[in-house]
Amino acid sequence: MGNLLIITTVMLNYELHSPMFFFLINLSIVDLGSISVTVPKSMSNSLLNTRSISYSGCVVQVFCLICFLGANLSLLTVMAYDRYVAICKPLHYGIIMNRRACIQMAAGAWAAGAINSALHTGNTFSLRFCHSNIINQFFCEVPQLLKLSSSDAYRRELAALAFSVCLCLGCFVFIVVSYVQIFTAVWSIPSEQGHQKAFSTCIPHLIVVSLFLSTAIIAYFKPISDSPSPLDLLAAVLYSVVPPLMNPVIYSMR
């Protein structure tokens, strides 16, 4: 509801038809998609007292979730660049962040997520699964699926992991560099009112970036247990449910 409200508000309010809110619509679509991939199926299984998911359903779930997560990080990077241009190059903002450039950047973010997802999904489901058909998670998660494979899974995953690492590291470095430039420019503004206005446009984005990266790091850098673990479940909820839930709250305050 929160994400749908943001999408509807921005689309209906002509005053919000700016690059920042265009990217916010895309972020809301990503959040809406990522939470819809996992939670409804889990709720359905709970209500129907079952724990099953079809093979094709698992493939779709893995592809969509990784695609949305990759697009999320890429969009947050683009939004950091938008804030950098707005604060550091305000007189050129309309020229640099024109309609065509915004569409190309949004399309690039979605493409990066789709390529990352295709690599992981293709590598994961080309493996042989013969150890078990039980996933110790409330959705199909790649690390949990790799544990079920009899193949040399981690060697097969190297190409996909390399792309993911490059994508994540590149986005992280770009966001950090953008904000170093932003804060340098903000501190040179003589008026206190100018400081507050600049920070007010950046703080929601910084909170969202920090929330997304911290929950993803907790989930993917934590050792995976061999038996069902409440910690694994909590980590998965943190990165798959909490950011889509909190992003509308953070940006609605803005």
Protein backbone atom coordinates (compact mmCIF):
# COMPACT_ATOMS: atom_id res chain seq x y z
CA MET A 1 0.00 0.00 0.00
CA GLY A 2 2.83 2.39 0.86
CA ASN A 3 4.64 1.82 -2.42
CA LEU A 4 1.42 2.03 -4.44
CA LEU A 5 0.58 5.30 -2.69
CA ILE A 6 3.96 6.81 -3.64
CA ILE A 7 3.56 5.70 -7.28
CA THR A 8 0.01 7.11 -7.49
CA THR A 9 0.89 10.40 -5.76
CA VAL A 10 3.88 11.12 -8.00
CA MET A 11 2.01 10.21 -11.19
CA LEU A 12 -1.02 12.38 -10.35
CA ASN A 13 0.89 15.40 -9.01
CA TYR A 14 2.49 17.37 -11.85
CA GLU A 15 4.73 19.26 -9.40
CA LEU A 16 6.46 15.96 -8.58
CA HIS A 17 7.34 15.19 -12.22
CA SER A 18 11.09 15.64 -11.65
CA PRO A 19 14.06 13.24 -12.02
CA MET A 20 14.24 12.55 -8.27
CA PHE A 21 10.61 11.42 -8.11
CA PHE A 22 10.87 9.54 -11.41
CA PHE A 23 13.60 7.40 -9.86
CA LEU A 24 11.53 7.13 -6.67
CA ILE A 25 8.66 5.63 -8.73
CA ASN A 26 11.09 3.05 -10.11
CA LEU A 27 12.35 2.30 -6.59
CA SER A 28 8.77 1.82 -5.38
CA ILE A 29 8.06 -0.58 -8.28
CA VAL A 30 11.19 -2.55 -7.34
CA ASP A 31 10.14 -2.67 -3.68
CA LEU A 32 6.61 -3.70 -4.64
CA GLY A 33 8.00 -6.47 -6.86
CA SER A 34 10.60 -7.80 -4.42
CA ILE A 35 8.15 -8.12 -1.53
CA SER A 36 5.46 -9.65 -3.81
CA VAL A 37 7.84 -12.39 -4.99
CA THR A 38 8.35 -13.95 -1.54
CA VAL A 39 5.76 -12.91 1.04
CA PRO A 40 2.44 -13.85 -0.67
CA LYS A 41 3.64 -17.40 -1.41
CA SER A 42 4.85 -17.79 2.16
CA MET A 43 1.52 -16.49 3.51
CA SER A 44 -0.38 -18.81 1.16
CA ASN A 45 1.59 -21.83 2.35
CA SER A 46 0.95 -20.82 5.95
CA LEU A 47 -2.81 -20.44 5.42
CA LEU A 48 -3.08 -23.71 3.45
CA ASN A 49 -0.83 -25.53 5.94
CA THR A 50 1.63 -26.64 3.25
CA ARG A 51 5.35 -26.06 2.61
CA SER A 52 5.59 -26.84 -1.08
CA ILE A 53 6.64 -24.83 -4.13
CA SER A 54 6.92 -26.11 -7.68
CA TYR A 55 10.28 -26.29 -9.49
CA SER A 56 9.18 -23.67 -12.03
CA GLY A 57 7.83 -21.50 -9.21
CA CYS A 58 11.20 -21.70 -7.49
CA VAL A 59 13.00 -20.68 -10.71
CA VAL A 60 10.70 -17.67 -11.17
CA GLN A 61 11.09 -16.68 -7.52
CA VAL A 62 14.91 -16.78 -7.69
CA PHE A 63 15.05 -14.85 -10.97
CA CYS A 64 12.60 -12.12 -9.91
CA LEU A 65 14.03 -11.60 -6.43
CA ILE A 66 17.65 -11.27 -7.62
CA CYS A 67 16.53 -9.03 -10.49
CA PHE A 68 14.65 -6.71 -8.12
CA LEU A 69 17.51 -6.63 -5.59
CA GLY A 70 20.06 -5.81 -8.31
CA ALA A 71 17.80 -3.14 -9.80
CA ASN A 72 17.29 -1.72 -6.29
CA LEU A 73 21.00 -1.20 -5.70
CA SER A 74 21.50 0.21 -9.22
CA LEU A 75 18.60 2.67 -8.77
CA LEU A 76 19.97 3.82 -5.41
CA THR A 77 23.26 4.52 -7.19
CA VAL A 78 21.50 6.52 -9.91
CA MET A 79 19.61 8.45 -7.24
CA ALA A 80 22.93 9.29 -5.55
CA TYR A 81 24.16 10.69 -8.88
CA ASP A 82 20.93 12.71 -9.21
CA ARG A 83 21.53 14.27 -5.79
CA TYR A 84 25.16 14.96 -6.71
CA VAL A 85 24.16 16.85 -9.88
CA ALA A 86 21.38 18.74 -8.05
CA ILE A 87 23.68 19.98 -5.28
CA CYS A 88 27.10 20.22 -6.94
CA LYS A 89 26.02 21.36 -10.43
CA PRO A 90 22.62 23.04 -9.92
CA LEU A 91 22.87 25.33 -12.97
CA HIS A 92 23.43 22.34 -15.27
CA TYR A 93 20.87 20.06 -13.58
CA GLY A 94 18.16 20.48 -16.24
CA ILE A 95 20.63 19.76 -19.05
CA ILE A 96 22.36 16.75 -17.45
CA MET A 97 19.25 15.15 -15.93
CA ASN A 98 17.02 15.55 -18.98
CA ARG A 99 14.15 13.16 -19.75
CA ARG A 100 16.17 10.97 -22.11
CA ALA A 101 19.08 10.65 -19.67
CA CYS A 102 16.72 9.69 -16.82
CA ILE A 103 15.02 6.99 -18.92
CA GLN A 104 18.41 5.61 -20.03
CA MET A 105 19.72 5.49 -16.45
CA ALA A 106 16.55 3.78 -15.18
CA ALA A 107 16.70 1.28 -18.06
CA GLY A 108 20.39 0.63 -17.28
CA ALA A 109 19.53 -0.07 -13.63
CA TRP A 110 16.83 -2.58 -14.62
CA ALA A 111 19.16 -4.17 -17.20
CA ALA A 112 21.93 -4.60 -14.60
CA GLY A 113 19.48 -6.35 -12.27
CA ALA A 114 18.19 -8.60 -15.08
CA ILE A 115 21.69 -9.61 -16.25
CA ASN A 116 22.81 -10.35 -12.69
CA SER A 117 19.65 -12.39 -12.12
CA ALA A 118 19.97 -14.33 -15.39
CA LEU A 119 23.55 -15.33 -14.53
CA HIS A 120 22.66 -16.54 -11.03
CA THR A 121 19.43 -18.28 -12.07
CA GLY A 122 21.04 -19.99 -15.08
CA ASN A 123 24.02 -21.22 -13.07
CA THR A 124 21.95 -22.34 -10.11
CA PHE A 125 19.32 -24.34 -12.00
CA SER A 126 21.79 -25.94 -14.39
CA LEU A 127 23.11 -27.88 -11.38
CA ARG A 128 21.96 -31.38 -10.39
CA PHE A 129 19.86 -31.47 -7.21
CA CYS A 130 19.92 -34.86 -5.54
CA HIS A 131 20.72 -34.36 -1.86
CA SER A 132 17.27 -33.23 -0.72
CA ASN A 133 14.24 -31.24 -1.78
CA ILE A 134 13.95 -29.33 1.50
CA ILE A 135 14.97 -25.66 1.58
CA ASN A 136 15.55 -24.28 5.07
CA GLN A 137 14.07 -20.90 4.21
CA PHE A 138 10.64 -19.32 3.60
CA PHE A 139 11.53 -18.74 -0.09
CA CYS A 140 13.93 -20.14 -2.69
CA GLU A 141 17.29 -18.61 -1.79
CA VAL A 142 20.39 -19.30 -3.91
CA PRO A 143 22.79 -20.20 -1.04
CA GLN A 144 20.22 -22.67 0.31
CA LEU A 145 19.72 -24.19 -3.18
CA LEU A 146 23.47 -24.60 -3.71
CA LYS A 147 23.62 -26.74 -0.56
CA LEU A 148 21.21 -29.23 -2.20
CA SER A 149 23.36 -29.70 -5.29
CA SER A 150 25.68 -32.65 -5.93
CA SER A 151 27.65 -30.63 -8.52
CA ASP A 152 30.68 -28.45 -7.88
CA ALA A 153 28.33 -25.56 -7.31
CA TYR A 154 30.68 -22.85 -6.19
CA ARG A 155 32.96 -23.15 -9.22
CA ARG A 156 29.93 -22.84 -11.48
CA GLU A 157 28.83 -19.78 -9.55
CA LEU A 158 32.15 -17.93 -9.93
CA ALA A 159 31.13 -15.99 -13.06
CA ALA A 160 27.82 -14.90 -11.52
CA LEU A 161 29.51 -14.05 -8.21
CA ALA A 162 32.19 -12.02 -10.01
CA PHE A 163 29.51 -9.97 -11.81
CA SER A 164 27.59 -9.47 -8.55
CA VAL A 165 30.72 -8.38 -6.68
CA CYS A 166 31.66 -5.93 -9.45
CA LEU A 167 28.09 -4.55 -9.52
CA CYS A 168 27.87 -4.16 -5.73
CA LEU A 169 31.38 -2.78 -5.32
CA GLY A 170 30.97 -0.39 -8.25
CA CYS A 171 27.65 0.90 -6.90
CA PHE A 172 29.00 1.25 -3.37
CA VAL A 173 32.12 3.16 -4.50
CA PHE A 174 30.02 5.42 -6.76
CA ILE A 175 27.60 6.22 -3.91
CA VAL A 176 30.47 6.98 -1.49
CA VAL A 177 32.27 9.21 -4.01
CA SER A 178 29.01 11.03 -4.82
CA TYR A 179 28.33 11.78 -1.16
CA VAL A 180 31.90 12.89 -0.49
CA GLN A 181 31.42 15.43 -3.29
CA ILE A 182 27.96 16.38 -1.96
CA PHE A 183 29.12 16.94 1.62
CA THR A 184 32.14 18.91 0.42
CA ALA A 185 29.82 21.17 -1.59
CA VAL A 186 27.28 21.48 1.25
CA TRP A 187 29.88 22.63 3.80
CA SER A 188 30.90 25.40 1.42
CA ILE A 189 27.35 26.83 1.44
CA PRO A 190 27.46 29.91 3.71
CA SER A 191 23.86 29.87 4.99
CA GLU A 192 22.46 27.51 7.60
CA GLN A 193 19.21 27.32 5.63
CA GLY A 194 21.16 26.12 2.59
CA HIS A 195 22.74 23.36 4.70
CA GLN A 196 19.35 22.17 5.93
CA LYS A 197 17.79 22.19 2.46
CA ALA A 198 20.68 20.20 0.95
CA PHE A 199 20.72 17.67 3.76
CA SER A 200 16.93 17.26 3.72
CA THR A 201 17.09 15.97 0.13
CA CYS A 202 19.97 13.58 0.90
CA ILE A 203 19.11 12.11 4.30
CA PRO A 204 16.17 9.90 3.13
CA HIS A 205 18.34 8.44 0.36
CA LEU A 206 21.25 7.84 2.76
CA ILE A 207 18.96 6.05 5.22
CA VAL A 208 17.54 3.81 2.46
CA VAL A 209 21.02 2.98 1.11
CA SER A 210 22.32 2.17 4.61
CA LEU A 211 19.29 0.01 5.38
CA PHE A 212 19.55 -1.96 2.12
CA LEU A 213 23.32 -2.54 2.26
CA SER A 214 23.45 -3.40 5.97
CA THR A 215 20.65 -5.99 5.74
CA ALA A 216 22.17 -7.54 2.57
CA ILE A 217 25.61 -7.78 4.21
CA ILE A 218 24.12 -9.43 7.31
CA ALA A 219 22.28 -11.97 5.12
CA TYR A 220 25.03 -12.90 2.66
CA PHE A 221 28.19 -12.67 4.78
CA LYS A 222 26.75 -14.77 7.60
CA PRO A 223 27.72 -18.48 7.52
CA ILE A 224 24.81 -20.70 6.43
CA SER A 225 23.87 -23.33 9.00
CA ASP A 226 23.29 -26.95 8.00
CA SER A 227 20.06 -27.20 9.98
CA PRO A 228 17.05 -24.86 10.12
CA SER A 229 18.14 -21.73 11.96
CA PRO A 230 16.08 -18.79 13.25
CA LEU A 231 19.10 -16.58 12.47
CA ASP A 232 18.96 -17.54 8.75
CA LEU A 233 15.23 -16.76 8.70
CA LEU A 234 15.77 -13.41 10.45
CA ALA A 235 18.56 -12.45 8.04
CA ALA A 236 16.37 -13.27 5.02
CA VAL A 237 13.47 -11.22 6.44
CA LEU A 238 15.86 -8.31 7.04
CA TYR A 239 16.96 -7.93 3.42
CA SER A 240 13.85 -9.15 1.57
CA VAL A 241 11.04 -7.61 3.65
CA VAL A 242 12.36 -4.75 5.80
CA PRO A 243 13.70 -2.39 3.04
CA PRO A 244 10.49 -2.55 0.91
CA LEU A 245 8.49 -1.96 4.08
CA MET A 246 10.58 0.96 5.35
CA ASN A 247 11.34 2.80 2.08
CA PRO A 248 7.80 4.20 1.69
CA VAL A 249 7.85 5.33 5.34
CA ILE A 250 11.20 7.10 4.91
CA TYR A 251 10.28 8.78 1.63
CA SER A 252 6.74 9.63 2.73
CA MET A 253 8.26 11.66 5.57
CA ARG A 254 10.22 13.55 2.90
